[in-house]
Protein backbone atom coordinates (compact mmCIF):
# COMPACT_ATOMS: atom_id res chain seq x y z
CA UNK A 1 0.00 0.00 0.00
CA UNK A 2 1.35 3.41 -0.86
CA UNK A 3 2.21 6.04 1.69
CA UNK A 4 0.10 9.17 1.91
CA UNK A 5 1.98 12.40 1.40
CA UNK A 6 -0.60 14.99 2.38
CA UNK A 7 -1.49 13.94 5.93
CA UNK A 8 -1.39 17.05 8.16
CA UNK A 9 0.64 16.48 11.32
CA UNK A 10 -0.31 19.59 13.30
CA UNK A 11 -4.04 18.98 13.22
CA UNK A 12 -6.10 21.97 14.20
CA UNK A 13 -9.84 22.01 13.63
CA UNK A 14 -9.45 23.23 10.03
CA UNK A 15 -6.62 20.84 9.24
CA UNK A 16 -8.65 17.87 10.44
CA UNK A 17 -11.51 18.71 8.08
CA UNK A 18 -9.14 19.28 5.18
CA UNK A 19 -7.27 16.10 6.04
CA UNK A 20 -10.50 14.13 5.99
CA UNK A 21 -11.41 15.30 2.49
CA UNK A 22 -7.87 14.88 1.20
CA UNK A 23 -7.91 11.32 2.50
CA UNK A 24 -11.19 10.64 0.67
CA UNK A 25 -9.83 12.09 -2.56
CA UNK A 26 -6.61 10.08 -2.33
CA UNK A 27 -8.49 6.89 -1.61
CA UNK A 28 -11.32 7.04 -4.15
CA UNK A 29 -10.22 9.27 -7.06
CA UNK A 30 -7.95 7.72 -9.67
CA UNK A 31 -4.73 9.27 -10.86
CA UNK A 32 -4.89 12.16 -13.35
CA UNK A 33 -2.84 10.11 -15.85
CA UNK A 34 -5.62 7.53 -15.94
CA UNK A 35 -8.14 10.25 -16.83
CA UNK A 36 -5.87 11.41 -19.66
CA UNK A 37 -5.49 7.90 -21.08
CA UNK A 38 -9.21 7.10 -20.87
CA UNK A 39 -10.24 10.41 -22.46
CA UNK A 40 -7.68 9.89 -25.24
CA UNK A 41 -9.10 6.45 -26.00
CA UNK A 42 -12.65 7.81 -26.01
CA UNK A 43 -11.65 10.61 -28.41
CA UNK A 44 -9.91 8.10 -30.69
CA UNK A 45 -12.93 5.79 -30.71
CA UNK A 46 -15.32 8.65 -31.49
CA UNK A 47 -13.07 9.87 -34.30
CA UNK A 48 -12.90 6.39 -35.84
CA UNK A 49 -16.68 6.04 -35.67
CA UNK A 50 -17.88 9.48 -36.77
CA UNK A 51 -15.17 11.07 -38.90
CA UNK A 52 -15.04 10.07 -42.54
CA UNK A 53 -12.08 10.82 -44.76
CA UNK A 54 -12.53 10.97 -48.50
CA UNK A 55 -9.25 11.80 -50.19
CA UNK A 56 -10.40 11.07 -53.72
CA UNK A 57 -13.23 13.50 -54.01
PDB file of N, CA and C in Angstrom:
ATOM      1  N   UNK A   1       0.851  -1.178   0.000  1.00  0.00           N
ATOM      2  CA  UNK A   1       0.000   0.000   0.000  1.00  0.00           C
ATOM      3  C   UNK A   1       0.892   1.236   0.000  1.00  0.00           C
ATOM      4  N   UNK A   2       0.494   2.250  -0.738  1.00  0.00           N
ATOM      5  CA  UNK A   2       1.351   3.410  -0.856  1.00  0.00           C
ATOM      6  C   UNK A   2       1.166   4.376   0.308  1.00  0.00           C
ATOM      7  N   UNK A   3       2.208   5.107   0.568  1.00  0.00           N
ATOM      8  CA  UNK A   3       2.212   6.040   1.687  1.00  0.00           C
ATOM      9  C   UNK A   3       1.535   7.340   1.279  1.00  0.00           C
ATOM     10  N   UNK A   4       0.751   7.893   2.179  1.00  0.00           N
ATOM     11  CA  UNK A   4       0.095   9.168   1.913  1.00  0.00           C
ATOM     12  C   UNK A   4       1.058  10.306   2.171  1.00  0.00           C
ATOM     13  N   UNK A   5       1.067  11.269   1.273  1.00  0.00           N
ATOM     14  CA  UNK A   5       1.977  12.400   1.398  1.00  0.00           C
ATOM     15  C   UNK A   5       1.317  13.553   2.133  1.00  0.00           C
ATOM     16  N   UNK A   6       0.045  13.768   1.929  1.00  0.00           N
ATOM     17  CA  UNK A   6      -0.605  14.986   2.379  1.00  0.00           C
ATOM     18  C   UNK A   6      -1.381  14.812   3.679  1.00  0.00           C
ATOM     19  N   UNK A   7      -0.846  14.090   4.623  1.00  0.00           N
ATOM     20  CA  UNK A   7      -1.487  13.940   5.927  1.00  0.00           C
ATOM     21  C   UNK A   7      -0.984  15.042   6.855  1.00  0.00           C
ATOM     22  N   UNK A   8      -1.858  15.969   7.291  1.00  0.00           N
ATOM     23  CA  UNK A   8      -1.394  17.055   8.162  1.00  0.00           C
ATOM     24  C   UNK A   8      -1.010  16.547   9.544  1.00  0.00           C
ATOM     25  N   UNK A   9       0.151  16.928  10.012  1.00  0.00           N
ATOM     26  CA  UNK A   9       0.641  16.477  11.316  1.00  0.00           C
ATOM     27  C   UNK A   9       0.131  17.354  12.449  1.00  0.00           C
ATOM     28  N   UNK A  10       0.182  18.670  12.273  1.00  0.00           N
ATOM     29  CA  UNK A  10      -0.313  19.585  13.296  1.00  0.00           C
ATOM     30  C   UNK A  10      -1.791  19.829  13.032  1.00  0.00           C
ATOM     31  N   UNK A  11      -2.624  18.964  13.581  1.00  0.00           N
ATOM     32  CA  UNK A  11      -4.037  18.984  13.221  1.00  0.00           C
ATOM     33  C   UNK A  11      -4.801  19.939  14.117  1.00  0.00           C
ATOM     34  N   UNK A  12      -5.156  21.089  13.554  1.00  0.00           N
ATOM     35  CA  UNK A  12      -6.101  21.970  14.205  1.00  0.00           C
ATOM     36  C   UNK A  12      -7.479  21.585  13.711  1.00  0.00           C
ATOM     37  N   UNK A  13      -8.487  22.380  14.046  1.00  0.00           N
ATOM     38  CA  UNK A  13      -9.835  22.010  13.629  1.00  0.00           C
ATOM     39  C   UNK A  13      -9.981  22.106  12.109  1.00  0.00           C
ATOM     40  N   UNK A  14      -9.380  23.112  11.477  1.00  0.00           N
ATOM     41  CA  UNK A  14      -9.450  23.233  10.028  1.00  0.00           C
ATOM     42  C   UNK A  14      -8.640  22.163   9.327  1.00  0.00           C
ATOM     43  N   UNK A  15      -7.471  21.849   9.871  1.00  0.00           N
ATOM     44  CA  UNK A  15      -6.622  20.836   9.245  1.00  0.00           C
ATOM     45  C   UNK A  15      -7.248  19.453   9.310  1.00  0.00           C
ATOM     46  N   UNK A  16      -8.015  19.183  10.335  1.00  0.00           N
ATOM     47  CA  UNK A  16      -8.653  17.869  10.440  1.00  0.00           C
ATOM     48  C   UNK A  16      -9.719  17.707   9.367  1.00  0.00           C
ATOM     49  N   UNK A  17     -10.473  18.774   9.115  1.00  0.00           N
ATOM     50  CA  UNK A  17     -11.507  18.713   8.082  1.00  0.00           C
ATOM     51  C   UNK A  17     -10.862  18.560   6.709  1.00  0.00           C
ATOM     52  N   UNK A  18      -9.852  19.365   6.458  1.00  0.00           N
ATOM     53  CA  UNK A  18      -9.140  19.281   5.180  1.00  0.00           C
ATOM     54  C   UNK A  18      -8.496  17.911   5.029  1.00  0.00           C
ATOM     55  N   UNK A  19      -7.894  17.413   6.084  1.00  0.00           N
ATOM     56  CA  UNK A  19      -7.267  16.101   6.042  1.00  0.00           C
ATOM     57  C   UNK A  19      -8.251  14.985   5.735  1.00  0.00           C
ATOM     58  N   UNK A  20      -9.464  15.123   6.265  1.00  0.00           N
ATOM     59  CA  UNK A  20     -10.496  14.126   5.987  1.00  0.00           C
ATOM     60  C   UNK A  20     -10.823  14.081   4.499  1.00  0.00           C
ATOM     61  N   UNK A  21     -11.052  15.268   3.900  1.00  0.00           N
ATOM     62  CA  UNK A  21     -11.413  15.305   2.491  1.00  0.00           C
ATOM     63  C   UNK A  21     -10.242  14.937   1.588  1.00  0.00           C
ATOM     64  N   UNK A  22      -9.042  15.277   1.975  1.00  0.00           N
ATOM     65  CA  UNK A  22      -7.869  14.882   1.202  1.00  0.00           C
ATOM     66  C   UNK A  22      -7.722  13.360   1.240  1.00  0.00           C
ATOM     67  N   UNK A  23      -7.965  12.772   2.388  1.00  0.00           N
ATOM     68  CA  UNK A  23      -7.912  11.316   2.498  1.00  0.00           C
ATOM     69  C   UNK A  23      -8.938  10.639   1.613  1.00  0.00           C
ATOM     70  N   UNK A  24     -10.160  11.199   1.555  1.00  0.00           N
ATOM     71  CA  UNK A  24     -11.186  10.637   0.670  1.00  0.00           C
ATOM     72  C   UNK A  24     -10.775  10.739  -0.793  1.00  0.00           C
ATOM     73  N   UNK A  25     -10.235  11.896  -1.166  1.00  0.00           N
ATOM     74  CA  UNK A  25      -9.827  12.088  -2.557  1.00  0.00           C
ATOM     75  C   UNK A  25      -8.688  11.147  -2.928  1.00  0.00           C
ATOM     76  N   UNK A  26      -7.733  10.976  -2.033  1.00  0.00           N
ATOM     77  CA  UNK A  26      -6.610  10.078  -2.326  1.00  0.00           C
ATOM     78  C   UNK A  26      -7.056   8.633  -2.398  1.00  0.00           C
ATOM     79  N   UNK A  27      -8.058   8.283  -1.638  1.00  0.00           N
ATOM     80  CA  UNK A  27      -8.489   6.891  -1.608  1.00  0.00           C
ATOM     81  C   UNK A  27      -9.372   6.537  -2.796  1.00  0.00           C
ATOM     82  N   UNK A  28     -10.293   7.428  -3.186  1.00  0.00           N
ATOM     83  CA  UNK A  28     -11.320   7.043  -4.146  1.00  0.00           C
ATOM     84  C   UNK A  28     -11.177   7.654  -5.537  1.00  0.00           C
ATOM     85  N   UNK A  29     -10.387   8.685  -5.724  1.00  0.00           N
ATOM     86  CA  UNK A  29     -10.223   9.273  -7.055  1.00  0.00           C
ATOM     87  C   UNK A  29      -8.988   8.679  -7.724  1.00  0.00           C
ATOM     88  N   UNK A  30      -9.115   8.277  -8.984  1.00  0.00           N
ATOM     89  CA  UNK A  30      -7.952   7.723  -9.672  1.00  0.00           C
ATOM     90  C   UNK A  30      -6.943   8.809 -10.038  1.00  0.00           C
ATOM     91  N   UNK A  31      -5.812   8.370 -10.479  1.00  0.00           N
ATOM     92  CA  UNK A  31      -4.729   9.271 -10.857  1.00  0.00           C
ATOM     93  C   UNK A  31      -5.118  10.085 -12.091  1.00  0.00           C
ATOM     94  N   UNK A  32      -4.576  11.292 -12.217  1.00  0.00           N
ATOM     95  CA  UNK A  32      -4.888  12.159 -13.348  1.00  0.00           C
ATOM     96  C   UNK A  32      -4.406  11.539 -14.659  1.00  0.00           C
ATOM     97  N   UNK A  33      -3.332  10.775 -14.633  1.00  0.00           N
ATOM     98  CA  UNK A  33      -2.839  10.115 -15.846  1.00  0.00           C
ATOM     99  C   UNK A  33      -3.875   9.138 -16.388  1.00  0.00           C
ATOM    100  N   UNK A  34      -4.584   8.458 -15.502  1.00  0.00           N
ATOM    101  CA  UNK A  34      -5.622   7.529 -15.938  1.00  0.00           C
ATOM    102  C   UNK A  34      -6.743   8.272 -16.653  1.00  0.00           C
ATOM    103  N   UNK A  35      -7.139   9.444 -16.139  1.00  0.00           N
ATOM    104  CA  UNK A  35      -8.136  10.254 -16.827  1.00  0.00           C
ATOM    105  C   UNK A  35      -7.664  10.624 -18.226  1.00  0.00           C
ATOM    106  N   UNK A  36      -6.403  11.011 -18.363  1.00  0.00           N
ATOM    107  CA  UNK A  36      -5.865  11.410 -19.660  1.00  0.00           C
ATOM    108  C   UNK A  36      -5.887  10.243 -20.643  1.00  0.00           C
ATOM    109  N   UNK A  37      -5.504   9.068 -20.203  1.00  0.00           N
ATOM    110  CA  UNK A  37      -5.487   7.897 -21.084  1.00  0.00           C
ATOM    111  C   UNK A  37      -6.901   7.513 -21.499  1.00  0.00           C
ATOM    112  N   UNK A  38      -7.826   7.491 -20.553  1.00  0.00           N
ATOM    113  CA  UNK A  38      -9.209   7.099 -20.868  1.00  0.00           C
ATOM    114  C   UNK A  38      -9.849   8.103 -21.823  1.00  0.00           C
ATOM    115  N   UNK A  39      -9.658   9.404 -21.570  1.00  0.00           N
ATOM    116  CA  UNK A  39     -10.239  10.405 -22.460  1.00  0.00           C
ATOM    117  C   UNK A  39      -9.609  10.361 -23.855  1.00  0.00           C
ATOM    118  N   UNK A  40      -8.324  10.044 -23.942  1.00  0.00           N
ATOM    119  CA  UNK A  40      -7.678   9.891 -25.243  1.00  0.00           C
ATOM    120  C   UNK A  40      -8.277   8.717 -26.011  1.00  0.00           C
ATOM    121  N   UNK A  41      -8.503   7.611 -25.338  1.00  0.00           N
ATOM    122  CA  UNK A  41      -9.097   6.445 -25.998  1.00  0.00           C
ATOM    123  C   UNK A  41     -10.533   6.720 -26.437  1.00  0.00           C
ATOM    124  N   UNK A  42     -11.284   7.456 -25.630  1.00  0.00           N
ATOM    125  CA  UNK A  42     -12.647   7.812 -26.013  1.00  0.00           C
ATOM    126  C   UNK A  42     -12.635   8.719 -27.236  1.00  0.00           C
ATOM    127  N   UNK A  43     -11.743   9.708 -27.257  1.00  0.00           N
ATOM    128  CA  UNK A  43     -11.653  10.613 -28.407  1.00  0.00           C
ATOM    129  C   UNK A  43     -11.249   9.847 -29.664  1.00  0.00           C
ATOM    130  N   UNK A  44     -10.332   8.907 -29.546  1.00  0.00           N
ATOM    131  CA  UNK A  44      -9.911   8.097 -30.687  1.00  0.00           C
ATOM    132  C   UNK A  44     -11.080   7.260 -31.213  1.00  0.00           C
ATOM    133  N   UNK A  45     -11.806   6.629 -30.301  1.00  0.00           N
ATOM    134  CA  UNK A  45     -12.930   5.789 -30.713  1.00  0.00           C
ATOM    135  C   UNK A  45     -14.012   6.618 -31.393  1.00  0.00           C
ATOM    136  N   UNK A  46     -14.315   7.788 -30.869  1.00  0.00           N
ATOM    137  CA  UNK A  46     -15.319   8.648 -31.492  1.00  0.00           C
ATOM    138  C   UNK A  46     -14.864   9.138 -32.859  1.00  0.00           C
ATOM    139  N   UNK A  47     -13.588   9.430 -33.012  1.00  0.00           N
ATOM    140  CA  UNK A  47     -13.069   9.868 -34.304  1.00  0.00           C
ATOM    141  C   UNK A  47     -13.143   8.744 -35.334  1.00  0.00           C
ATOM    142  N   UNK A  48     -12.828   7.533 -34.924  1.00  0.00           N
ATOM    143  CA  UNK A  48     -12.902   6.392 -35.844  1.00  0.00           C
ATOM    144  C   UNK A  48     -14.342   6.149 -36.271  1.00  0.00           C
ATOM    145  N   UNK A  49     -15.280   6.323 -35.364  1.00  0.00           N
ATOM    146  CA  UNK A  49     -16.681   6.038 -35.669  1.00  0.00           C
ATOM    147  C   UNK A  49     -17.311   7.143 -36.524  1.00  0.00           C
ATOM    148  N   UNK A  50     -17.099   8.399 -36.177  1.00  0.00           N
ATOM    149  CA  UNK A  50     -17.884   9.478 -36.767  1.00  0.00           C
ATOM    150  C   UNK A  50     -17.182  10.301 -37.851  1.00  0.00           C
ATOM    151  N   UNK A  51     -15.872  10.251 -37.926  1.00  0.00           N
ATOM    152  CA  UNK A  51     -15.169  11.072 -38.898  1.00  0.00           C
ATOM    153  C   UNK A  51     -14.889  10.238 -40.141  1.00  0.00           C
ATOM    154  N   UNK A  52     -15.308  10.771 -41.276  1.00  0.00           N
ATOM    155  CA  UNK A  52     -15.038  10.072 -42.537  1.00  0.00           C
ATOM    156  C   UNK A  52     -14.021  10.875 -43.326  1.00  0.00           C
ATOM    157  N   UNK A  53     -13.086  10.175 -43.928  1.00  0.00           N
ATOM    158  CA  UNK A  53     -12.082  10.822 -44.763  1.00  0.00           C
ATOM    159  C   UNK A  53     -12.286  10.337 -46.191  1.00  0.00           C
ATOM    160  N   UNK A  54     -12.370  11.283 -47.089  1.00  0.00           N
ATOM    161  CA  UNK A  54     -12.532  10.967 -48.500  1.00  0.00           C
ATOM    162  C   UNK A  54     -11.492  11.753 -49.280  1.00  0.00           C
ATOM    163  N   UNK A  55     -10.356  11.125 -49.535  1.00  0.00           N
ATOM    164  CA  UNK A  55      -9.245  11.802 -50.191  1.00  0.00           C
ATOM    165  C   UNK A  55      -9.448  11.939 -51.694  1.00  0.00           C
ATOM    166  N   UNK A  56     -10.284  11.097 -52.271  1.00  0.00           N
ATOM    167  CA  UNK A  56     -10.397  11.067 -53.715  1.00  0.00           C
ATOM    168  C   UNK A  56     -11.462  12.026 -54.265  1.00  0.00           C
ATOM    169  N   UNK A  57     -12.259  12.594 -53.425  1.00  0.00           N
ATOM    170  CA  UNK A  57     -13.227  13.496 -54.011  1.00  0.00           C
ATOM    171  C   UNK A  57     -14.291  13.802 -53.112  1.00  0.00           C
TER     172      UNK A  57
END
